[in-house]
Each structure stands twice: as structure tokens, then as C-alpha cells.
Protein backbone atom coordinates (compact mmCIF):
# COMPACT_ATOMS: atom_id res chain seq x y z
CA MET A 1 27.19 -6.03 -51.78
CA ASN A 2 29.89 -4.05 -53.91
CA ASN A 3 31.32 -0.78 -53.42
CA ALA A 4 29.45 0.98 -56.77
CA ALA A 5 26.18 -0.66 -55.24
CA ARG A 6 26.69 0.93 -52.12
CA LEU A 7 27.74 4.22 -53.81
CA TYR A 8 24.97 3.99 -56.10
CA GLY A 9 22.08 3.57 -53.31
CA SER A 10 24.20 6.18 -51.23
CA VAL A 11 23.92 8.59 -53.73
CA ALA A 12 20.06 7.92 -55.00
CA LYS A 13 18.98 9.06 -51.23
CA GLN A 14 20.50 12.37 -52.13
CA ILE A 15 19.25 12.90 -55.79
CA SER A 16 16.27 13.93 -56.82
CA SER A 17 15.99 12.13 -60.24
CA PRO A 18 17.26 9.15 -62.36
CA ARG A 19 19.55 11.61 -64.54
CA ASP A 20 20.17 13.67 -61.70
CA LEU A 21 22.13 9.98 -59.99
CA GLU A 22 23.35 9.09 -63.40
CA ALA A 23 25.01 12.43 -63.91
CA SER A 24 26.45 12.18 -60.32
CA LEU A 25 27.61 8.65 -61.11
CA LEU A 26 29.61 9.93 -64.23
CA LEU A 27 31.03 12.69 -62.53
CA GLU A 28 32.41 10.77 -59.91
CA ALA A 29 33.82 7.87 -62.48
CA ALA A 30 35.81 10.86 -64.34
CA ALA A 31 37.03 12.24 -60.58
CA ARG A 32 38.78 8.99 -59.78
CA LEU A 33 40.12 8.61 -63.42
CA GLN A 34 41.32 12.23 -63.60
CA ALA A 35 42.95 12.28 -60.07
CA VAL A 36 44.94 8.78 -61.39
CA ARG A 37 45.66 11.34 -64.93
CA ASP A 38 46.85 14.28 -62.55
CA ASP A 39 49.07 12.14 -59.96
CA TRP A 40 50.25 9.33 -62.55
CA ASN A 41 53.04 8.49 -60.83
CA GLY A 42 51.90 8.46 -57.49
CA LYS A 43 48.19 7.31 -58.07
CA ARG A 44 48.89 4.91 -60.88
CA GLY A 45 48.18 2.16 -58.91
CA ASN A 46 44.69 3.15 -58.30
CA LEU A 47 44.23 3.04 -62.10
CA ASP A 48 42.36 -0.50 -62.08
CA ASN A 49 40.43 0.52 -59.68
CA ALA A 50 39.19 3.57 -61.59
CA LEU A 51 38.67 1.75 -64.72
CA ARG A 52 36.65 -1.08 -63.01
CA TYR A 53 34.38 1.38 -61.13
CA ASN A 54 33.82 3.21 -65.03
CA ARG A 55 33.73 -0.12 -66.88
CA ARG A 56 30.67 -1.09 -64.29
CA LEU A 57 28.95 1.85 -64.41
CA TRP A 58 29.11 1.42 -68.40
CA THR A 59 27.65 -1.82 -68.27
CA ILE A 60 25.19 -0.87 -66.35
CA PHE A 61 23.94 2.05 -68.89
CA MET A 62 24.21 -0.54 -71.85
CA THR A 63 22.59 -2.95 -70.49
CA SER A 64 19.67 -0.91 -69.38
CA VAL A 65 19.24 0.92 -72.51
CA THR A 66 19.42 -1.88 -74.40
CA SER A 67 16.74 -4.06 -72.43
CA THR A 68 13.45 -4.60 -74.17
CA ASP A 69 11.75 -2.53 -71.03
CA SER A 70 13.96 0.91 -72.06
CA PRO A 71 11.22 3.95 -72.67
CA LEU A 72 14.15 5.88 -74.74
CA PRO A 73 13.90 5.81 -78.65
CA ILE A 74 15.81 3.75 -80.35
CA GLU A 75 18.33 6.49 -81.92
CA ILE A 76 19.12 7.11 -78.16
CA LYS A 77 19.32 3.43 -77.43
CA GLN A 78 22.01 2.85 -80.31
CA ASN A 79 23.81 5.89 -79.24
CA VAL A 80 24.75 4.85 -75.71
CA ALA A 81 25.26 1.58 -76.60
CA ASN A 82 27.83 2.86 -78.87
CA ILE A 83 29.68 5.35 -76.87
CA GLY A 84 29.56 2.33 -74.21
CA LEU A 85 31.34 -0.01 -76.73
CA PHE A 86 33.80 2.48 -77.22
CA VAL A 87 34.63 3.39 -73.21
CA MET A 88 35.20 -0.54 -73.19
CA LYS A 89 37.73 -0.69 -76.10
CA GLN A 90 39.92 2.30 -74.36
CA THR A 91 39.43 0.20 -71.33
CA LEU A 92 41.40 -2.55 -73.00
CA ALA A 93 43.52 -0.37 -74.79
CA LEU A 94 44.52 1.28 -71.13
CA ILE A 95 44.89 -2.29 -69.42
CA GLY A 96 46.91 -3.17 -72.29
CA ASP A 97 48.90 -0.26 -72.59
CA PRO A 98 48.49 2.23 -69.72
CA LYS A 99 49.46 5.91 -70.33
CA PRO A 100 47.62 8.97 -68.68
CA GLU A 101 47.05 10.75 -72.02
CA ARG A 102 44.76 8.22 -72.83
CA LEU A 103 42.91 8.52 -69.51
CA GLY A 104 41.44 11.72 -71.97
CA SER A 105 38.90 10.42 -73.68
CA LEU A 106 37.14 8.97 -70.87
CA ILE A 107 37.29 11.42 -68.46
CA ASN A 108 35.71 13.79 -71.38
CA ILE A 109 32.91 11.57 -72.07
CA ASN A 110 31.84 10.93 -68.88
CA ARG A 111 32.02 14.65 -67.96
CA GLU A 112 29.89 15.60 -71.22
CA ILE A 113 27.43 12.73 -71.04
CA ALA A 114 26.81 14.12 -67.45
CA SER A 115 26.77 17.57 -68.67
CA GLY A 116 23.80 16.91 -70.84
CA LEU A 117 22.06 14.96 -68.24
CA SER A 118 21.99 17.78 -65.66
CA ALA A 119 21.09 20.24 -68.03
CA ARG A 120 16.98 21.19 -67.96
CA PRO A 121 15.38 20.93 -70.96
């Protein structure tokens, strides 16, 4: 079992709802990316792992919302898929030309979506 799956399983045991779990995982991904950005010279070696974690998370989200079993409205499915595609493009751009300032959009997306998931109706 890979690290992302183990983390998902351990967090799932501590979190009460799927929304809370998703928010927690997005915040974890944002924290990993932020740590690299904050100490670019010292932690740049962690960039690939942070990007991989974030990419895997977004792959799970995109796969989940675009499945025929997803009960979400089509507008939400499309929005999540579009954000996921943007995340993938940004990730590829970072791999090709790594710069700390380019991490900001990924960090902000994860934090904003986590905030929305954590908000109670």
C-alpha cells in the first residue's frame, strides 16, 4: 500500500465525514507544498514528493466526480474536473520549470476548496 493510501486510511478513522476527510487531505497537500515554498533552498528536494501527493489526490477527486456513480450535480462535476485539469497543468509546468512562486496557485486552490468543504450549511 502506498503512503497516500495509508494516510487516507488513517485520517478516515479520525474524521467524521467524507467532506472533512477531503478537506483534511487537501490541507495536508497544501502544507507539503507550502513547506517547500517557504524553504525553497532547503526543501526543494521535497518538491517532487509534494507534487506527486497533490497529483494523486486530485486524480482521486477527478476520477470520483466523473464516475457514473457520482451523485453530484453535473455543474459540480464539471467544476471539479476543470480545477483538476488546471492542477495537472500547473504541476507539469512546475516539473518543467520549478520556481517557488509557481506553487502559490496550487496551495491556494487546495486551501480554498478545503475551506468550502469544511463550511457547514
